[in-house]
PDB file of N, CA and C in Angstrom:
ATOM      1  N   MET A   1      -6.363  17.372  30.700  1.00  0.00           N
ATOM      2  CA  MET A   1      -6.731  18.745  30.926  1.00  0.00           C
ATOM      3  C   MET A   1      -7.592  18.816  32.191  1.00  0.00           C
ATOM      4  N   ILE A   2      -7.316  19.763  33.031  1.00  0.00           N
ATOM      5  CA  ILE A   2      -8.032  19.934  34.288  1.00  0.00           C
ATOM      6  C   ILE A   2      -9.000  21.105  34.145  1.00  0.00           C
ATOM      7  N   GLN A   3     -10.214  20.937  34.685  1.00  0.00           N
ATOM      8  CA  GLN A   3     -11.225  21.992  34.653  1.00  0.00           C
ATOM      9  C   GLN A   3     -11.341  22.611  36.042  1.00  0.00           C
ATOM     10  N   TYR A   4     -11.481  23.916  36.079  1.00  0.00           N
ATOM     11  CA  TYR A   4     -11.667  24.624  37.333  1.00  0.00           C
ATOM     12  C   TYR A   4     -12.906  25.504  37.243  1.00  0.00           C
ATOM     13  N   LEU A   5     -13.616  25.595  38.352  1.00  0.00           N
ATOM     14  CA  LEU A   5     -14.693  26.560  38.503  1.00  0.00           C
ATOM     15  C   LEU A   5     -14.088  27.753  39.226  1.00  0.00           C
ATOM     16  N   VAL A   6     -14.118  28.918  38.588  1.00  0.00           N
ATOM     17  CA  VAL A   6     -13.510  30.124  39.144  1.00  0.00           C
ATOM     18  C   VAL A   6     -14.616  31.084  39.555  1.00  0.00           C
ATOM     19  N   LYS A   7     -14.564  31.520  40.809  1.00  0.00           N
ATOM     20  CA  LYS A   7     -15.568  32.431  41.373  1.00  0.00           C
ATOM     21  C   LYS A   7     -14.949  33.816  41.524  1.00  0.00           C
ATOM     22  N   TYR A   8     -15.605  34.827  40.962  1.00  0.00           N
ATOM     23  CA  TYR A   8     -15.160  36.224  41.034  1.00  0.00           C
ATOM     24  C   TYR A   8     -13.749  36.425  40.477  1.00  0.00           C
ATOM     25  N   GLY A   9     -13.294  35.529  39.618  1.00  0.00           N
ATOM     26  CA  GLY A   9     -11.977  35.662  39.010  1.00  0.00           C
ATOM     27  C   GLY A   9     -10.821  35.400  39.953  1.00  0.00           C
ATOM     28  N   VAL A  10     -11.095  34.936  41.170  1.00  0.00           N
ATOM     29  CA  VAL A  10     -10.042  34.764  42.171  1.00  0.00           C
ATOM     30  C   VAL A  10      -9.996  33.334  42.700  1.00  0.00           C
ATOM     31  N   ASP A  11     -11.049  32.905  43.376  1.00  0.00           N
ATOM     32  CA  ASP A  11     -11.091  31.583  44.001  1.00  0.00           C
ATOM     33  C   ASP A  11     -11.419  30.527  42.955  1.00  0.00           C
ATOM     34  N   ARG A  12     -10.835  29.335  43.114  1.00  0.00           N
ATOM     35  CA  ARG A  12     -11.146  28.272  42.167  1.00  0.00           C
ATOM     36  C   ARG A  12     -11.123  26.911  42.846  1.00  0.00           C
ATOM     37  N   ILE A  13     -11.943  26.011  42.321  1.00  0.00           N
ATOM     38  CA  ILE A  13     -11.929  24.613  42.731  1.00  0.00           C
ATOM     39  C   ILE A  13     -11.935  23.760  41.473  1.00  0.00           C
ATOM     40  N   GLN A  14     -11.414  22.558  41.609  1.00  0.00           N
ATOM     41  CA  GLN A  14     -11.433  21.632  40.483  1.00  0.00           C
ATOM     42  C   GLN A  14     -12.843  21.070  40.340  1.00  0.00           C
ATOM     43  N   ILE A  15     -13.316  20.937  39.107  1.00  0.00           N
ATOM     44  CA  ILE A  15     -14.670  20.466  38.848  1.00  0.00           C
ATOM     45  C   ILE A  15     -14.616  19.473  37.692  1.00  0.00           C
ATOM     46  N   ASN A  16     -15.476  18.478  37.731  1.00  0.00           N
ATOM     47  CA  ASN A  16     -15.535  17.520  36.624  1.00  0.00           C
ATOM     48  C   ASN A  16     -16.788  17.778  35.789  1.00  0.00           C
ATOM     49  N   ASP A  17     -17.005  16.936  34.775  1.00  0.00           N
ATOM     50  CA  ASP A  17     -18.148  17.135  33.880  1.00  0.00           C
ATOM     51  C   ASP A  17     -19.478  17.034  34.618  1.00  0.00           C
ATOM     52  N   ALA A  18     -19.579  16.130  35.581  1.00  0.00           N
ATOM     53  CA  ALA A  18     -20.826  15.985  36.340  1.00  0.00           C
ATOM     54  C   ALA A  18     -21.120  17.258  37.132  1.00  0.00           C
ATOM     55  N   GLY A  19     -20.122  17.814  37.778  1.00  0.00           N
ATOM     56  CA  GLY A  19     -20.304  19.054  38.522  1.00  0.00           C
ATOM     57  C   GLY A  19     -20.703  20.202  37.617  1.00  0.00           C
ATOM     58  N   LYS A  20     -20.104  20.236  36.434  1.00  0.00           N
ATOM     59  CA  LYS A  20     -20.449  21.273  35.461  1.00  0.00           C
ATOM     60  C   LYS A  20     -21.904  21.145  35.024  1.00  0.00           C
ATOM     61  N   ARG A  21     -22.356  19.910  34.788  1.00  0.00           N
ATOM     62  CA  ARG A  21     -23.747  19.695  34.365  1.00  0.00           C
ATOM     63  C   ARG A  21     -24.726  20.053  35.483  1.00  0.00           C
ATOM     64  N   VAL A  22     -24.395  19.728  36.727  1.00  0.00           N
ATOM     65  CA  VAL A  22     -25.263  20.096  37.855  1.00  0.00           C
ATOM     66  C   VAL A  22     -25.343  21.618  37.965  1.00  0.00           C
ATOM     67  N   LEU A  23     -24.212  22.304  37.853  1.00  0.00           N
ATOM     68  CA  LEU A  23     -24.195  23.765  37.924  1.00  0.00           C
ATOM     69  C   LEU A  23     -25.013  24.381  36.788  1.00  0.00           C
ATOM     70  N   GLU A  24     -24.853  23.876  35.573  1.00  0.00           N
ATOM     71  CA  GLU A  24     -25.621  24.388  34.434  1.00  0.00           C
ATOM     72  C   GLU A  24     -27.112  24.133  34.617  1.00  0.00           C
ATOM     73  N   THR A  25     -27.467  22.986  35.192  1.00  0.00           N
ATOM     74  CA  THR A  25     -28.872  22.663  35.449  1.00  0.00           C
ATOM     75  C   THR A  25     -29.466  23.615  36.479  1.00  0.00           C
ATOM     76  N   LEU A  26     -28.731  23.879  37.554  1.00  0.00           N
ATOM     77  CA  LEU A  26     -29.211  24.825  38.566  1.00  0.00           C
ATOM     78  C   LEU A  26     -29.379  26.217  37.964  1.00  0.00           C
ATOM     79  N   HIS A  27     -28.437  26.611  37.123  1.00  0.00           N
ATOM     80  CA  HIS A  27     -28.527  27.912  36.463  1.00  0.00           C
ATOM     81  C   HIS A  27     -29.755  27.974  35.554  1.00  0.00           C
ATOM     82  N   TYR A  28     -30.091  26.868  34.915  1.00  0.00           N
ATOM     83  CA  TYR A  28     -31.263  26.795  34.037  1.00  0.00           C
ATOM     84  C   TYR A  28     -32.564  26.986  34.830  1.00  0.00           C
ATOM     85  N   PHE A  29     -32.671  26.334  35.995  1.00  0.00           N
ATOM     86  CA  PHE A  29     -33.905  26.379  36.781  1.00  0.00           C
ATOM     87  C   PHE A  29     -34.023  27.620  37.669  1.00  0.00           C
ATOM     88  N   TYR A  30     -32.899  28.187  38.112  1.00  0.00           N
ATOM     89  CA  TYR A  30     -32.920  29.288  39.081  1.00  0.00           C
ATOM     90  C   TYR A  30     -33.514  30.547  38.456  1.00  0.00           C
ATOM     91  N   LYS A  31     -34.394  31.227  39.203  1.00  0.00           N
ATOM     92  CA  LYS A  31     -35.124  32.375  38.672  1.00  0.00           C
ATOM     93  C   LYS A  31     -34.841  33.675  39.434  1.00  0.00           C
ATOM     94  N   SER A  32     -33.639  33.849  39.946  1.00  0.00           N
ATOM     95  CA  SER A  32     -33.221  35.065  40.672  1.00  0.00           C
ATOM     96  C   SER A  32     -34.031  35.335  41.932  1.00  0.00           C
ATOM     97  N   LYS A  33     -34.701  34.344  42.441  1.00  0.00           N
ATOM     98  CA  LYS A  33     -35.411  34.411  43.716  1.00  0.00           C
ATOM     99  C   LYS A  33     -35.448  32.982  44.242  1.00  0.00           C
ATOM    100  N   PRO A  34     -35.792  32.760  45.509  1.00  0.00           N
ATOM    101  CA  PRO A  34     -35.840  31.383  45.999  1.00  0.00           C
ATOM    102  C   PRO A  34     -36.686  30.494  45.081  1.00  0.00           C
ATOM    103  N   THR A  35     -36.065  29.435  44.607  1.00  0.00           N
ATOM    104  CA  THR A  35     -36.683  28.568  43.608  1.00  0.00           C
ATOM    105  C   THR A  35     -36.682  27.128  44.111  1.00  0.00           C
ATOM    106  N   LYS A  36     -37.856  26.525  44.199  1.00  0.00           N
ATOM    107  CA  LYS A  36     -37.968  25.128  44.617  1.00  0.00           C
ATOM    108  C   LYS A  36     -37.788  24.241  43.385  1.00  0.00           C
ATOM    109  N   ILE A  37     -36.858  23.295  43.479  1.00  0.00           N
ATOM    110  CA  ILE A  37     -36.544  22.402  42.366  1.00  0.00           C
ATOM    111  C   ILE A  37     -36.612  20.969  42.869  1.00  0.00           C
ATOM    112  N   GLN A  38     -37.256  20.110  42.116  1.00  0.00           N
ATOM    113  CA  GLN A  38     -37.303  18.698  42.481  1.00  0.00           C
ATOM    114  C   GLN A  38     -35.976  18.044  42.105  1.00  0.00           C
ATOM    115  N   LEU A  39     -35.478  17.198  42.998  1.00  0.00           N
ATOM    116  CA  LEU A  39     -34.223  16.504  42.722  1.00  0.00           C
ATOM    117  C   LEU A  39     -34.319  15.677  41.446  1.00  0.00           C
ATOM    118  N   GLY A  40     -35.485  15.096  41.184  1.00  0.00           N
ATOM    119  CA  GLY A  40     -35.669  14.306  39.967  1.00  0.00           C
ATOM    120  C   GLY A  40     -35.430  15.125  38.711  1.00  0.00           C
ATOM    121  N   ASP A  41     -35.825  16.400  38.731  1.00  0.00           N
ATOM    122  CA  ASP A  41     -35.593  17.276  37.579  1.00  0.00           C
ATOM    123  C   ASP A  41     -34.107  17.563  37.393  1.00  0.00           C
ATOM    124  N   ILE A  42     -33.396  17.767  38.500  1.00  0.00           N
ATOM    125  CA  ILE A  42     -31.949  18.006  38.419  1.00  0.00           C
ATOM    126  C   ILE A  42     -31.246  16.751  37.916  1.00  0.00           C
ATOM    127  N   ILE A  43     -31.640  15.595  38.451  1.00  0.00           N
ATOM    128  CA  ILE A  43     -31.033  14.326  38.049  1.00  0.00           C
ATOM    129  C   ILE A  43     -31.270  14.069  36.568  1.00  0.00           C
ATOM    130  N   GLU A  44     -32.509  14.280  36.119  1.00  0.00           N
ATOM    131  CA  GLU A  44     -32.852  14.010  34.723  1.00  0.00           C
ATOM    132  C   GLU A  44     -32.115  14.948  33.768  1.00  0.00           C
ATOM    133  N   ARG A  45     -32.115  16.232  34.068  1.00  0.00           N
ATOM    134  CA  ARG A  45     -31.502  17.200  33.152  1.00  0.00           C
ATOM    135  C   ARG A  45     -29.977  17.101  33.149  1.00  0.00           C
ATOM    136  N   SER A  46     -29.373  16.842  34.321  1.00  0.00           N
ATOM    137  CA  SER A  46     -27.911  16.795  34.394  1.00  0.00           C
ATOM    138  C   SER A  46     -27.346  15.438  33.994  1.00  0.00           C
ATOM    139  N   GLY A  47     -28.156  14.396  34.100  1.00  0.00           N
ATOM    140  CA  GLY A  47     -27.668  13.059  33.768  1.00  0.00           C
ATOM    141  C   GLY A  47     -26.778  12.465  34.844  1.00  0.00           C
ATOM    142  N   CYS A  48     -26.859  12.979  36.069  1.00  0.00           N
ATOM    143  CA  CYS A  48     -26.044  12.493  37.182  1.00  0.00           C
ATOM    144  C   CYS A  48     -26.897  11.649  38.125  1.00  0.00           C
ATOM    145  N   SER A  49     -26.229  10.848  38.926  1.00  0.00           N
ATOM    146  CA  SER A  49     -26.938  10.059  39.930  1.00  0.00           C
ATOM    147  C   SER A  49     -27.376  10.967  41.072  1.00  0.00           C
ATOM    148  N   GLN A  50     -28.262  10.457  41.919  1.00  0.00           N
ATOM    149  CA  GLN A  50     -28.713  11.241  43.067  1.00  0.00           C
ATOM    150  C   GLN A  50     -27.543  11.558  43.992  1.00  0.00           C
ATOM    151  N   GLY A  51     -26.679  10.582  44.208  1.00  0.00           N
ATOM    152  CA  GLY A  51     -25.507  10.818  45.051  1.00  0.00           C
ATOM    153  C   GLY A  51     -24.583  11.876  44.471  1.00  0.00           C
ATOM    154  N   GLY A  52     -24.396  11.838  43.154  1.00  0.00           N
ATOM    155  CA  GLY A  52     -23.562  12.839  42.485  1.00  0.00           C
ATOM    156  C   GLY A  52     -24.156  14.227  42.579  1.00  0.00           C
ATOM    157  N   VAL A  53     -25.473  14.316  42.397  1.00  0.00           N
ATOM    158  CA  VAL A  53     -26.152  15.616  42.503  1.00  0.00           C
ATOM    159  C   VAL A  53     -26.009  16.167  43.916  1.00  0.00           C
ATOM    160  N   MET A  54     -26.241  15.334  44.926  1.00  0.00           N
ATOM    161  CA  MET A  54     -26.141  15.803  46.311  1.00  0.00           C
ATOM    162  C   MET A  54     -24.706  16.214  46.647  1.00  0.00           C
ATOM    163  N   PHE A  55     -23.723  15.443  46.154  1.00  0.00           N
ATOM    164  CA  PHE A  55     -22.322  15.805  46.380  1.00  0.00           C
ATOM    165  C   PHE A  55     -22.034  17.196  45.825  1.00  0.00           C
ATOM    166  N   TRP A  56     -22.439  17.440  44.576  1.00  0.00           N
ATOM    167  CA  TRP A  56     -22.137  18.727  43.949  1.00  0.00           C
ATOM    168  C   TRP A  56     -22.951  19.863  44.544  1.00  0.00           C
ATOM    169  N   LEU A  57     -24.170  19.601  44.984  1.00  0.00           N
ATOM    170  CA  LEU A  57     -24.936  20.652  45.665  1.00  0.00           C
ATOM    171  C   LEU A  57     -24.186  21.124  46.911  1.00  0.00           C
ATOM    172  N   HIS A  58     -23.704  20.175  47.702  1.00  0.00           N
ATOM    173  CA  HIS A  58     -22.995  20.534  48.935  1.00  0.00           C
ATOM    174  C   HIS A  58     -21.625  21.140  48.637  1.00  0.00           C
ATOM    175  N   ALA A  59     -20.936  20.642  47.602  1.00  0.00           N
ATOM    176  CA  ALA A  59     -19.634  21.214  47.233  1.00  0.00           C
ATOM    177  C   ALA A  59     -19.792  22.652  46.742  1.00  0.00           C
ATOM    178  N   LEU A  60     -20.808  22.895  45.915  1.00  0.00           N
ATOM    179  CA  LEU A  60     -21.040  24.250  45.402  1.00  0.00           C
ATOM    180  C   LEU A  60     -21.488  25.198  46.512  1.00  0.00           C
ATOM    181  N   LYS A  61     -22.223  24.663  47.490  1.00  0.00           N
ATOM    182  CA  LYS A  61     -22.622  25.487  48.639  1.00  0.00           C
ATOM    183  C   LYS A  61     -21.396  25.833  49.482  1.00  0.00           C
ATOM    184  N   SER A  62     -20.529  24.869  49.731  1.00  0.00           N
ATOM    185  CA  SER A  62     -19.318  25.121  50.520  1.00  0.00           C
ATOM    186  C   SER A  62     -18.408  26.136  49.842  1.00  0.00           C
ATOM    187  N   PHE A  63     -18.363  26.105  48.504  1.00  0.00           N
ATOM    188  CA  PHE A  63     -17.528  27.030  47.739  1.00  0.00           C
ATOM    189  C   PHE A  63     -18.157  28.417  47.643  1.00  0.00           C
ATOM    190  N   GLY A  64     -19.443  28.523  47.936  1.00  0.00           N
ATOM    191  CA  GLY A  64     -20.113  29.817  47.941  1.00  0.00           C
ATOM    192  C   GLY A  64     -20.771  30.206  46.629  1.00  0.00           C
ATOM    193  N   VAL A  65     -20.954  29.252  45.725  1.00  0.00           N
ATOM    194  CA  VAL A  65     -21.593  29.548  44.442  1.00  0.00           C
ATOM    195  C   VAL A  65     -23.104  29.572  44.591  1.00  0.00           C
ATOM    196  N   ILE A  66     -23.643  28.663  45.407  1.00  0.00           N
ATOM    197  CA  ILE A  66     -25.087  28.613  45.628  1.00  0.00           C
ATOM    198  C   ILE A  66     -25.367  28.578  47.123  1.00  0.00           C
ATOM    199  N   ASP A  67     -26.583  28.890  47.470  1.00  0.00           N
ATOM    200  CA  ASP A  67     -27.085  28.680  48.825  1.00  0.00           C
ATOM    201  C   ASP A  67     -28.423  27.987  48.660  1.00  0.00           C
ATOM    202  N   PHE A  68     -28.591  26.856  49.317  1.00  0.00           N
ATOM    203  CA  PHE A  68     -29.835  26.111  49.164  1.00  0.00           C
ATOM    204  C   PHE A  68     -30.260  25.521  50.488  1.00  0.00           C
ATOM    205  N   LYS A  69     -31.513  25.102  50.531  1.00  0.00           N
ATOM    206  CA  LYS A  69     -32.074  24.444  51.708  1.00  0.00           C
ATOM    207  C   LYS A  69     -32.778  23.196  51.207  1.00  0.00           C
ATOM    208  N   GLU A  70     -32.554  22.089  51.879  1.00  0.00           N
ATOM    209  CA  GLU A  70     -33.272  20.871  51.510  1.00  0.00           C
ATOM    210  C   GLU A  70     -34.696  21.005  52.024  1.00  0.00           C
ATOM    211  N   ALA A  71     -35.655  20.985  51.104  1.00  0.00           N
ATOM    212  CA  ALA A  71     -37.060  21.208  51.447  1.00  0.00           C
ATOM    213  C   ALA A  71     -37.803  19.895  51.611  1.00  0.00           C
ATOM    214  N   GLY A  72     -37.100  18.849  51.875  1.00  0.00           N
ATOM    215  CA  GLY A  72     -37.678  17.523  51.976  1.00  0.00           C
ATOM    216  C   GLY A  72     -36.735  16.555  51.302  1.00  0.00           C
ATOM    217  N   TYR A  73     -37.140  15.300  51.232  1.00  0.00           N
ATOM    218  CA  TYR A  73     -36.252  14.293  50.660  1.00  0.00           C
ATOM    219  C   TYR A  73     -36.105  14.454  49.152  1.00  0.00           C
ATOM    220  N   PHE A  74     -37.121  14.987  48.493  1.00  0.00           N
ATOM    221  CA  PHE A  74     -37.108  15.037  47.035  1.00  0.00           C
ATOM    222  C   PHE A  74     -36.996  16.446  46.464  1.00  0.00           C
ATOM    223  N   ASP A  75     -36.880  17.465  47.288  1.00  0.00           N
ATOM    224  CA  ASP A  75     -36.857  18.847  46.811  1.00  0.00           C
ATOM    225  C   ASP A  75     -35.721  19.631  47.454  1.00  0.00           C
ATOM    226  N   VAL A  76     -35.216  20.607  46.720  1.00  0.00           N
ATOM    227  CA  VAL A  76     -34.302  21.597  47.279  1.00  0.00           C
ATOM    228  C   VAL A  76     -34.828  22.971  46.888  1.00  0.00           C
ATOM    229  N   THR A  77     -34.588  23.941  47.744  1.00  0.00           N
ATOM    230  CA  THR A  77     -34.934  25.325  47.432  1.00  0.00           C
ATOM    231  C   THR A  77     -33.629  26.089  47.290  1.00  0.00           C
ATOM    232  N   VAL A  78     -33.331  26.517  46.076  1.00  0.00           N
ATOM    233  CA  VAL A  78     -32.128  27.309  45.829  1.00  0.00           C
ATOM    234  C   VAL A  78     -32.454  28.743  46.224  1.00  0.00           C
ATOM    235  N   LYS A  79     -31.787  29.228  47.293  1.00  0.00           N
ATOM    236  CA  LYS A  79     -32.082  30.564  47.816  1.00  0.00           C
ATOM    237  C   LYS A  79     -31.310  31.647  47.077  1.00  0.00           C
ATOM    238  N   SER A  80     -30.089  31.346  46.662  1.00  0.00           N
ATOM    239  CA  SER A  80     -29.302  32.326  45.912  1.00  0.00           C
ATOM    240  C   SER A  80     -28.251  31.596  45.088  1.00  0.00           C
ATOM    241  N   MET A  81     -27.784  32.284  44.045  1.00  0.00           N
ATOM    242  CA  MET A  81     -26.775  31.709  43.161  1.00  0.00           C
ATOM    243  C   MET A  81     -26.009  32.863  42.526  1.00  0.00           C
ATOM    244  N   ILE A  82     -24.680  32.811  42.581  1.00  0.00           N
ATOM    245  CA  ILE A  82     -23.910  33.888  41.964  1.00  0.00           C
ATOM    246  C   ILE A  82     -23.853  33.652  40.458  1.00  0.00           C
ATOM    247  N   SER A  83     -23.692  34.722  39.718  1.00  0.00           N
ATOM    248  CA  SER A  83     -23.580  34.587  38.267  1.00  0.00           C
ATOM    249  C   SER A  83     -22.167  34.903  37.789  1.00  0.00           C
ATOM    250  N   ASP A  84     -21.303  35.389  38.691  1.00  0.00           N
ATOM    251  CA  ASP A  84     -19.937  35.746  38.322  1.00  0.00           C
ATOM    252  C   ASP A  84     -19.012  34.547  38.537  1.00  0.00           C
ATOM    253  N   TYR A  85     -19.148  33.567  37.670  1.00  0.00           N
ATOM    254  CA  TYR A  85     -18.272  32.401  37.710  1.00  0.00           C
ATOM    255  C   TYR A  85     -17.951  32.005  36.277  1.00  0.00           C
ATOM    256  N   GLU A  86     -16.885  31.247  36.130  1.00  0.00           N
ATOM    257  CA  GLU A  86     -16.535  30.735  34.812  1.00  0.00           C
ATOM    258  C   GLU A  86     -15.828  29.398  34.972  1.00  0.00           C
ATOM    259  N   ILE A  87     -15.834  28.629  33.917  1.00  0.00           N
ATOM    260  CA  ILE A  87     -15.112  27.364  33.871  1.00  0.00           C
ATOM    261  C   ILE A  87     -13.860  27.605  33.036  1.00  0.00           C
ATOM    262  N   ILE A  88     -12.694  27.290  33.599  1.00  0.00           N
ATOM    263  CA  ILE A  88     -11.458  27.428  32.829  1.00  0.00           C
ATOM    264  C   ILE A  88     -10.796  26.061  32.725  1.00  0.00           C
ATOM    265  N   TYR A  89      -9.944  25.923  31.741  1.00  0.00           N
ATOM    266  CA  TYR A  89      -9.235  24.675  31.487  1.00  0.00           C
ATOM    267  C   TYR A  89      -7.749  24.932  31.619  1.00  0.00           C
ATOM    268  N   SER A  90      -7.041  23.964  32.190  1.00  0.00           N
ATOM    269  CA  SER A  90      -5.614  24.131  32.429  1.00  0.00           C
ATOM    270  C   SER A  90      -4.896  22.816  32.166  1.00  0.00           C
ATOM    271  N   ASN A  91      -3.658  22.911  31.766  1.00  0.00           N
ATOM    272  CA  ASN A  91      -2.822  21.723  31.571  1.00  0.00           C
ATOM    273  C   ASN A  91      -1.890  21.501  32.746  1.00  0.00           C
ATOM    274  N   ASP A  92      -2.158  22.140  33.881  1.00  0.00           N
ATOM    275  CA  ASP A  92      -1.292  22.024  35.069  1.00  0.00           C
ATOM    276  C   ASP A  92      -1.150  20.598  35.500  1.00  0.00           C
TER     277      ASP A  92
END
């Protein structure tokens, strides 16, 4: 079964469990305004490696789900995050 992250009901990208956990973690910490989050907190809550977290942060930014700025080696500031997304499953 393939998982997709669908944005606004139109655009979609394939996502795995690690990407889903990173997205859910960002959604948990984000407070509808620029939010500074320590990478260690994202790594701990999502259960992903630092490389995996950074990969998904950049992939989600490229897809337009989040906008963030690296605030140093150990912090990111999530500037915005859309809420109109869903995870769908397909047997394609």
